[in-house]
């Protein structure tokens, strides 16, 4: 008995079809600062006048990214040797 032969379009292609192509760019994720600003519904002009944002920045200054211009505006210093691993 003869085995049926699959048509050429139904055969499985071997190998990675994306070989040699650049990988797609990674998605851009918001920083914790941006998430907090969005939660407080602040615009860039409102950053310096927000007491809630300032308190959050003072608590998290050594842990998350906060724009340097905002830290300078409020006079908040960041400890460059801070380590939360302790």
PDB file of N, CA and C in Angstrom:
ATOM      1  N   UNK A   1       0.841  -1.162   0.000  1.00  0.00           N
ATOM      2  CA  UNK A   1       0.000   0.000   0.000  1.00  0.00           C
ATOM      3  C   UNK A   1       0.895   1.237   0.000  1.00  0.00           C
ATOM      4  N   UNK A   2       0.592   2.171  -0.802  1.00  0.00           N
ATOM      5  CA  UNK A   2       1.387   3.387  -0.931  1.00  0.00           C
ATOM      6  C   UNK A   2       0.916   4.427   0.085  1.00  0.00           C
ATOM      7  N   UNK A   3       1.875   5.185   0.631  1.00  0.00           N
ATOM      8  CA  UNK A   3       1.525   6.233   1.600  1.00  0.00           C
ATOM      9  C   UNK A   3       1.165   7.503   0.847  1.00  0.00           C
ATOM     10  N   UNK A   4       0.118   8.193   1.314  1.00  0.00           N
ATOM     11  CA  UNK A   4      -0.253   9.433   0.628  1.00  0.00           C
ATOM     12  C   UNK A   4       0.821  10.504   0.848  1.00  0.00           C
ATOM     13  N   UNK A   5       1.061  11.264  -0.159  1.00  0.00           N
ATOM     14  CA  UNK A   5       2.060  12.333  -0.100  1.00  0.00           C
ATOM     15  C   UNK A   5       1.333  13.645   0.150  1.00  0.00           C
ATOM     16  N   UNK A   6       1.811  14.387   1.152  1.00  0.00           N
ATOM     17  CA  UNK A   6       1.187  15.672   1.486  1.00  0.00           C
ATOM     18  C   UNK A   6       1.561  16.700   0.424  1.00  0.00           C
ATOM     19  N   UNK A   7       0.641  17.585   0.098  1.00  0.00           N
ATOM     20  CA  UNK A   7       0.980  18.638  -0.867  1.00  0.00           C
ATOM     21  C   UNK A   7       2.076  19.534  -0.287  1.00  0.00           C
ATOM     22  N   UNK A   8       2.888  20.187  -1.122  1.00  0.00           N
ATOM     23  CA  UNK A   8       4.024  20.996  -0.634  1.00  0.00           C
ATOM     24  C   UNK A   8       3.615  22.123   0.311  1.00  0.00           C
ATOM     25  N   UNK A   9       2.417  22.654   0.193  1.00  0.00           N
ATOM     26  CA  UNK A   9       2.004  23.757   1.065  1.00  0.00           C
ATOM     27  C   UNK A   9       1.659  23.271   2.459  1.00  0.00           C
ATOM     28  N   UNK A  10       1.385  21.993   2.622  1.00  0.00           N
ATOM     29  CA  UNK A  10       1.004  21.470   3.918  1.00  0.00           C
ATOM     30  C   UNK A  10       2.202  20.949   4.706  1.00  0.00           C
ATOM     31  N   UNK A  11       3.388  20.937   4.120  1.00  0.00           N
ATOM     32  CA  UNK A  11       4.556  20.441   4.842  1.00  0.00           C
ATOM     33  C   UNK A  11       4.999  21.462   5.879  1.00  0.00           C
ATOM     34  N   UNK A  12       5.542  20.952   6.952  1.00  0.00           N
ATOM     35  CA  UNK A  12       5.980  21.813   8.043  1.00  0.00           C
ATOM     36  C   UNK A  12       7.327  22.432   7.693  1.00  0.00           C
ATOM     37  N   UNK A  13       7.398  23.754   7.851  1.00  0.00           N
ATOM     38  CA  UNK A  13       8.662  24.443   7.604  1.00  0.00           C
ATOM     39  C   UNK A  13       9.533  24.303   8.831  1.00  0.00           C
ATOM     40  N   UNK A  14      10.803  24.140   8.623  1.00  0.00           N
ATOM     41  CA  UNK A  14      11.732  23.969   9.731  1.00  0.00           C
ATOM     42  C   UNK A  14      12.534  25.232   9.945  1.00  0.00           C
ATOM     43  N   UNK A  15      12.986  25.434  11.189  1.00  0.00           N
ATOM     44  CA  UNK A  15      13.839  26.567  11.508  1.00  0.00           C
ATOM     45  C   UNK A  15      13.055  27.766  12.005  1.00  0.00           C
ATOM     46  N   UNK A  16      13.762  28.758  12.409  1.00  0.00           N
ATOM     47  CA  UNK A  16      13.180  29.975  12.955  1.00  0.00           C
ATOM     48  C   UNK A  16      12.933  30.963  11.811  1.00  0.00           C
ATOM     49  N   UNK A  17      11.673  31.332  11.541  1.00  0.00           N
ATOM     50  CA  UNK A  17      11.411  32.261  10.443  1.00  0.00           C
ATOM     51  C   UNK A  17      11.934  33.675  10.710  1.00  0.00           C
ATOM     52  N   UNK A  18      12.242  33.996  11.963  1.00  0.00           N
ATOM     53  CA  UNK A  18      12.748  35.330  12.306  1.00  0.00           C
ATOM     54  C   UNK A  18      14.271  35.380  12.409  1.00  0.00           C
ATOM     55  N   UNK A  19      14.930  34.329  11.985  1.00  0.00           N
ATOM     56  CA  UNK A  19      16.386  34.271  12.075  1.00  0.00           C
ATOM     57  C   UNK A  19      17.006  35.405  11.277  1.00  0.00           C
ATOM     58  N   UNK A  20      17.882  36.153  11.919  1.00  0.00           N
ATOM     59  CA  UNK A  20      18.586  37.245  11.254  1.00  0.00           C
ATOM     60  C   UNK A  20      17.854  38.571  11.286  1.00  0.00           C
ATOM     61  N   UNK A  21      16.624  38.589  11.718  1.00  0.00           N
ATOM     62  CA  UNK A  21      15.869  39.835  11.814  1.00  0.00           C
ATOM     63  C   UNK A  21      16.079  40.447  13.200  1.00  0.00           C
ATOM     64  N   UNK A  22      16.065  41.780  13.284  1.00  0.00           N
ATOM     65  CA  UNK A  22      16.207  42.392  14.615  1.00  0.00           C
ATOM     66  C   UNK A  22      14.972  42.116  15.462  1.00  0.00           C
ATOM     67  N   UNK A  23      15.190  41.999  16.753  1.00  0.00           N
ATOM     68  CA  UNK A  23      14.060  41.745  17.655  1.00  0.00           C
ATOM     69  C   UNK A  23      13.227  43.021  17.783  1.00  0.00           C
ATOM     70  N   UNK A  24      11.924  42.899  17.998  1.00  0.00           N
ATOM     71  CA  UNK A  24      11.088  44.097  18.135  1.00  0.00           C
ATOM     72  C   UNK A  24      11.456  44.859  19.403  1.00  0.00           C
ATOM     73  N   UNK A  25      11.259  46.172  19.403  1.00  0.00           N
ATOM     74  CA  UNK A  25      11.603  46.955  20.599  1.00  0.00           C
ATOM     75  C   UNK A  25      10.725  46.565  21.781  1.00  0.00           C
ATOM     76  N   UNK A  26      11.310  46.649  22.965  1.00  0.00           N
ATOM     77  CA  UNK A  26      10.571  46.334  24.187  1.00  0.00           C
ATOM     78  C   UNK A  26       9.554  47.432  24.464  1.00  0.00           C
ATOM     79  N   UNK A  27       8.431  47.100  25.081  1.00  0.00           N
ATOM     80  CA  UNK A  27       7.436  48.136  25.388  1.00  0.00           C
ATOM     81  C   UNK A  27       7.963  49.098  26.446  1.00  0.00           C
ATOM     82  N   UNK A  28       7.556  50.334  26.336  1.00  0.00           N
ATOM     83  CA  UNK A  28       7.972  51.361  27.284  1.00  0.00           C
ATOM     84  C   UNK A  28       7.040  51.306  28.489  1.00  0.00           C
ATOM     85  N   UNK A  29       7.630  51.158  29.672  1.00  0.00           N
ATOM     86  CA  UNK A  29       6.843  51.074  30.898  1.00  0.00           C
ATOM     87  C   UNK A  29       6.987  52.375  31.684  1.00  0.00           C
ATOM     88  N   UNK A  30       5.941  52.770  32.346  1.00  0.00           N
ATOM     89  CA  UNK A  30       5.960  53.995  33.152  1.00  0.00           C
ATOM     90  C   UNK A  30       6.751  53.751  34.440  1.00  0.00           C
ATOM     91  N   UNK A  31       7.461  54.789  34.900  1.00  0.00           N
ATOM     92  CA  UNK A  31       8.178  54.694  36.169  1.00  0.00           C
ATOM     93  C   UNK A  31       7.181  54.830  37.313  1.00  0.00           C
ATOM     94  N   UNK A  32       7.620  54.503  38.528  1.00  0.00           N
ATOM     95  CA  UNK A  32       6.738  54.649  39.689  1.00  0.00           C
ATOM     96  C   UNK A  32       6.357  56.106  39.900  1.00  0.00           C
ATOM     97  N   UNK A  33       7.281  57.019  39.596  1.00  0.00           N
ATOM     98  CA  UNK A  33       6.986  58.443  39.716  1.00  0.00           C
ATOM     99  C   UNK A  33       5.851  58.817  38.762  1.00  0.00           C
ATOM    100  N   UNK A  34       5.936  58.370  37.518  1.00  0.00           N
ATOM    101  CA  UNK A  34       4.894  58.680  36.543  1.00  0.00           C
ATOM    102  C   UNK A  34       3.552  58.064  36.940  1.00  0.00           C
ATOM    103  N   UNK A  35       3.593  56.863  37.498  1.00  0.00           N
ATOM    104  CA  UNK A  35       2.357  56.238  37.963  1.00  0.00           C
ATOM    105  C   UNK A  35       1.731  57.043  39.102  1.00  0.00           C
ATOM    106  N   UNK A  36       2.575  57.520  40.015  1.00  0.00           N
ATOM    107  CA  UNK A  36       2.077  58.313  41.155  1.00  0.00           C
ATOM    108  C   UNK A  36       1.482  59.638  40.683  1.00  0.00           C
ATOM    109  N   UNK A  37       2.154  60.282  39.734  1.00  0.00           N
ATOM    110  CA  UNK A  37       1.653  61.546  39.188  1.00  0.00           C
ATOM    111  C   UNK A  37       0.307  61.325  38.506  1.00  0.00           C
ATOM    112  N   UNK A  38       0.194  60.227  37.768  1.00  0.00           N
ATOM    113  CA  UNK A  38      -1.067  59.903  37.095  1.00  0.00           C
ATOM    114  C   UNK A  38      -2.172  59.627  38.123  1.00  0.00           C
ATOM    115  N   UNK A  39      -1.813  58.945  39.214  1.00  0.00           N
ATOM    116  CA  UNK A  39      -2.786  58.635  40.262  1.00  0.00           C
ATOM    117  C   UNK A  39      -3.295  59.917  40.935  1.00  0.00           C
ATOM    118  N   UNK A  40      -2.389  60.879  41.114  1.00  0.00           N
ATOM    119  CA  UNK A  40      -2.763  62.150  41.740  1.00  0.00           C
ATOM    120  C   UNK A  40      -3.397  63.124  40.739  1.00  0.00           C
ATOM    121  N   UNK A  41      -3.397  62.755  39.466  1.00  0.00           N
ATOM    122  CA  UNK A  41      -3.958  63.574  38.383  1.00  0.00           C
ATOM    123  C   UNK A  41      -3.313  64.952  38.325  1.00  0.00           C
ATOM    124  N   UNK A  42      -1.972  64.961  38.292  1.00  0.00           N
ATOM    125  CA  UNK A  42      -1.229  66.211  38.246  1.00  0.00           C
ATOM    126  C   UNK A  42      -0.675  66.454  36.854  1.00  0.00           C
ATOM    127  N   UNK A  43      -0.596  67.732  36.485  1.00  0.00           N
ATOM    128  CA  UNK A  43       0.110  68.113  35.273  1.00  0.00           C
ATOM    129  C   UNK A  43       1.519  68.528  35.685  1.00  0.00           C
ATOM    130  N   UNK A  44       2.399  68.681  34.718  1.00  0.00           N
ATOM    131  CA  UNK A  44       3.784  69.041  35.017  1.00  0.00           C
ATOM    132  C   UNK A  44       3.864  70.376  35.773  1.00  0.00           C
ATOM    133  N   UNK A  45       2.976  71.282  35.458  1.00  0.00           N
ATOM    134  CA  UNK A  45       2.974  72.588  36.121  1.00  0.00           C
ATOM    135  C   UNK A  45       2.536  72.486  37.586  1.00  0.00           C
ATOM    136  N   UNK A  46       1.822  71.430  37.937  1.00  0.00           N
ATOM    137  CA  UNK A  46       1.300  71.262  39.292  1.00  0.00           C
ATOM    138  C   UNK A  46       2.249  70.492  40.215  1.00  0.00           C
ATOM    139  N   UNK A  47       3.316  69.920  39.679  1.00  0.00           N
ATOM    140  CA  UNK A  47       4.223  69.085  40.486  1.00  0.00           C
ATOM    141  C   UNK A  47       4.733  69.821  41.727  1.00  0.00           C
ATOM    142  N   UNK A  48       5.274  71.014  41.547  1.00  0.00           N
ATOM    143  CA  UNK A  48       5.936  71.710  42.655  1.00  0.00           C
ATOM    144  C   UNK A  48       4.970  72.178  43.732  1.00  0.00           C
ATOM    145  N   UNK A  49       3.693  72.356  43.382  1.00  0.00           N
ATOM    146  CA  UNK A  49       2.726  72.838  44.371  1.00  0.00           C
ATOM    147  C   UNK A  49       1.972  71.711  45.082  1.00  0.00           C
ATOM    148  N   UNK A  50       2.250  70.470  44.738  1.00  0.00           N
ATOM    149  CA  UNK A  50       1.532  69.348  45.340  1.00  0.00           C
ATOM    150  C   UNK A  50       2.232  68.871  46.615  1.00  0.00           C
ATOM    151  N   UNK A  51       1.552  68.990  47.736  1.00  0.00           N
ATOM    152  CA  UNK A  51       2.110  68.542  49.016  1.00  0.00           C
ATOM    153  C   UNK A  51       2.173  67.015  49.078  1.00  0.00           C
ATOM    154  N   UNK A  52       1.181  66.339  48.485  1.00  0.00           N
ATOM    155  CA  UNK A  52       1.167  64.871  48.485  1.00  0.00           C
ATOM    156  C   UNK A  52       2.328  64.308  47.678  1.00  0.00           C
ATOM    157  N   UNK A  53       2.596  64.917  46.524  1.00  0.00           N
ATOM    158  CA  UNK A  53       3.701  64.449  45.693  1.00  0.00           C
ATOM    159  C   UNK A  53       5.037  64.703  46.387  1.00  0.00           C
ATOM    160  N   UNK A  54       5.156  65.844  47.038  1.00  0.00           N
ATOM    161  CA  UNK A  54       6.404  66.152  47.743  1.00  0.00           C
ATOM    162  C   UNK A  54       6.659  65.150  48.876  1.00  0.00           C
ATOM    163  N   UNK A  55       5.620  64.828  49.639  1.00  0.00           N
ATOM    164  CA  UNK A  55       5.773  63.856  50.727  1.00  0.00           C
ATOM    165  C   UNK A  55       6.174  62.487  50.169  1.00  0.00           C
ATOM    166  N   UNK A  56       5.547  62.095  49.056  1.00  0.00           N
ATOM    167  CA  UNK A  56       5.879  60.808  48.434  1.00  0.00           C
ATOM    168  C   UNK A  56       7.322  60.807  47.941  1.00  0.00           C
ATOM    169  N   UNK A  57       7.754  61.906  47.352  1.00  0.00           N
ATOM    170  CA  UNK A  57       9.130  62.018  46.849  1.00  0.00           C
ATOM    171  C   UNK A  57      10.150  61.967  47.988  1.00  0.00           C
ATOM    172  N   UNK A  58       9.839  62.607  49.111  1.00  0.00           N
ATOM    173  CA  UNK A  58      10.754  62.581  50.249  1.00  0.00           C
ATOM    174  C   UNK A  58      10.879  61.166  50.813  1.00  0.00           C
ATOM    175  N   UNK A  59       9.787  60.418  50.827  1.00  0.00           N
ATOM    176  CA  UNK A  59       9.825  59.046  51.337  1.00  0.00           C
ATOM    177  C   UNK A  59      10.563  58.100  50.389  1.00  0.00           C
ATOM    178  N   UNK A  60      10.466  58.348  49.099  1.00  0.00           N
ATOM    179  CA  UNK A  60      10.999  57.418  48.101  1.00  0.00           C
ATOM    180  C   UNK A  60      12.199  57.945  47.329  1.00  0.00           C
ATOM    181  N   UNK A  61      12.829  59.008  47.807  1.00  0.00           N
ATOM    182  CA  UNK A  61      13.908  59.649  47.055  1.00  0.00           C
ATOM    183  C   UNK A  61      15.099  58.732  46.791  1.00  0.00           C
ATOM    184  N   UNK A  62      15.368  57.794  47.674  1.00  0.00           N
ATOM    185  CA  UNK A  62      16.500  56.888  47.483  1.00  0.00           C
ATOM    186  C   UNK A  62      16.099  55.571  46.822  1.00  0.00           C
ATOM    187  N   UNK A  63      14.820  55.400  46.561  1.00  0.00           N
ATOM    188  CA  UNK A  63      14.339  54.122  46.051  1.00  0.00           C
ATOM    189  C   UNK A  63      13.909  54.155  44.592  1.00  0.00           C
ATOM    190  N   UNK A  64      13.268  55.234  44.146  1.00  0.00           N
ATOM    191  CA  UNK A  64      12.743  55.313  42.786  1.00  0.00           C
ATOM    192  C   UNK A  64      13.266  56.560  42.082  1.00  0.00           C
ATOM    193  N   UNK A  65      13.087  56.572  40.746  1.00  0.00           N
ATOM    194  CA  UNK A  65      13.491  57.734  39.953  1.00  0.00           C
ATOM    195  C   UNK A  65      12.542  58.894  40.200  1.00  0.00           C
ATOM    196  N   UNK A  66      13.124  60.051  40.477  1.00  0.00           N
ATOM    197  CA  UNK A  66      12.394  61.307  40.589  1.00  0.00           C
ATOM    198  C   UNK A  66      13.180  62.313  39.761  1.00  0.00           C
ATOM    199  N   UNK A  67      12.527  63.090  38.911  1.00  0.00           N
ATOM    200  CA  UNK A  67      13.264  64.040  38.064  1.00  0.00           C
ATOM    201  C   UNK A  67      14.179  64.949  38.892  1.00  0.00           C
ATOM    202  N   UNK A  68      15.392  65.126  38.389  1.00  0.00           N
ATOM    203  CA  UNK A  68      16.385  65.921  39.113  1.00  0.00           C
ATOM    204  C   UNK A  68      15.939  67.361  39.312  1.00  0.00           C
ATOM    205  N   UNK A  69      15.271  67.928  38.306  1.00  0.00           N
ATOM    206  CA  UNK A  69      14.847  69.321  38.426  1.00  0.00           C
ATOM    207  C   UNK A  69      13.848  69.485  39.566  1.00  0.00           C
ATOM    208  N   UNK A  70      13.036  68.474  39.807  1.00  0.00           N
ATOM    209  CA  UNK A  70      12.049  68.548  40.889  1.00  0.00           C
ATOM    210  C   UNK A  70      12.737  68.421  42.250  1.00  0.00           C
ATOM    211  N   UNK A  71      13.701  67.519  42.341  1.00  0.00           N
ATOM    212  CA  UNK A  71      14.464  67.397  43.585  1.00  0.00           C
ATOM    213  C   UNK A  71      15.189  68.702  43.906  1.00  0.00           C
ATOM    214  N   UNK A  72      15.764  69.317  42.880  1.00  0.00           N
ATOM    215  CA  UNK A  72      16.482  70.574  43.075  1.00  0.00           C
ATOM    216  C   UNK A  72      15.521  71.690  43.490  1.00  0.00           C
ATOM    217  N   UNK A  73      14.345  71.707  42.888  1.00  0.00           N
ATOM    218  CA  UNK A  73      13.334  72.723  43.215  1.00  0.00           C
ATOM    219  C   UNK A  73      12.920  72.644  44.683  1.00  0.00           C
ATOM    220  N   UNK A  74      12.775  71.441  45.196  1.00  0.00           N
ATOM    221  CA  UNK A  74      12.350  71.246  46.582  1.00  0.00           C
ATOM    222  C   UNK A  74      13.530  71.179  47.558  1.00  0.00           C
ATOM    223  N   UNK A  75      14.743  71.116  47.067  1.00  0.00           N
ATOM    224  CA  UNK A  75      15.910  71.023  47.943  1.00  0.00           C
ATOM    225  C   UNK A  75      16.054  69.664  48.597  1.00  0.00           C
ATOM    226  N   UNK A  76      15.595  68.622  47.926  1.00  0.00           N
ATOM    227  CA  UNK A  76      15.696  67.260  48.446  1.00  0.00           C
ATOM    228  C   UNK A  76      17.000  66.647  47.942  1.00  0.00           C
ATOM    229  N   UNK A  77      17.788  66.101  48.855  1.00  0.00           N
ATOM    230  CA  UNK A  77      19.043  65.462  48.455  1.00  0.00           C
ATOM    231  C   UNK A  77      18.874  63.947  48.468  1.00  0.00           C
ATOM    232  N   UNK A  78      19.580  63.297  47.568  1.00  0.00           N
ATOM    233  CA  UNK A  78      19.541  61.844  47.443  1.00  0.00           C
ATOM    234  C   UNK A  78      20.870  61.287  47.922  1.00  0.00           C
ATOM    235  N   UNK A  79      20.824  60.217  48.714  1.00  0.00           N
ATOM    236  CA  UNK A  79      22.027  59.565  49.194  1.00  0.00           C
ATOM    237  C   UNK A  79      22.543  58.612  48.118  1.00  0.00           C
ATOM    238  N   UNK A  80      23.673  58.923  47.474  1.00  0.00           N
ATOM    239  CA  UNK A  80      24.179  58.055  46.400  1.00  0.00           C
ATOM    240  C   UNK A  80      24.666  56.684  46.884  1.00  0.00           C
ATOM    241  N   UNK A  81      24.934  56.550  48.178  1.00  0.00           N
ATOM    242  CA  UNK A  81      25.438  55.289  48.732  1.00  0.00           C
ATOM    243  C   UNK A  81      24.334  54.477  49.407  1.00  0.00           C
ATOM    244  N   UNK A  82      23.097  54.878  49.235  1.00  0.00           N
ATOM    245  CA  UNK A  82      21.969  54.196  49.888  1.00  0.00           C
ATOM    246  C   UNK A  82      21.800  52.795  49.309  1.00  0.00           C
ATOM    247  N   UNK A  83      21.570  51.843  50.196  1.00  0.00           N
ATOM    248  CA  UNK A  83      21.304  50.465  49.773  1.00  0.00           C
ATOM    249  C   UNK A  83      20.158  49.927  50.611  1.00  0.00           C
ATOM    250  N   UNK A  84      19.090  49.501  49.945  1.00  0.00           N
ATOM    251  CA  UNK A  84      17.916  48.987  50.648  1.00  0.00           C
ATOM    252  C   UNK A  84      18.079  47.500  50.987  1.00  0.00           C
ATOM    253  N   UNK A  85      19.222  46.911  50.667  1.00  0.00           N
ATOM    254  CA  UNK A  85      19.429  45.478  50.886  1.00  0.00           C
ATOM    255  C   UNK A  85      19.659  45.150  52.357  1.00  0.00           C
ATOM    256  N   UNK A  86      19.959  46.132  53.172  1.00  0.00           N
ATOM    257  CA  UNK A  86      20.276  45.854  54.574  1.00  0.00           C
ATOM    258  C   UNK A  86      19.115  45.532  55.389  1.00  0.00           C
TER     259      UNK A  86
END
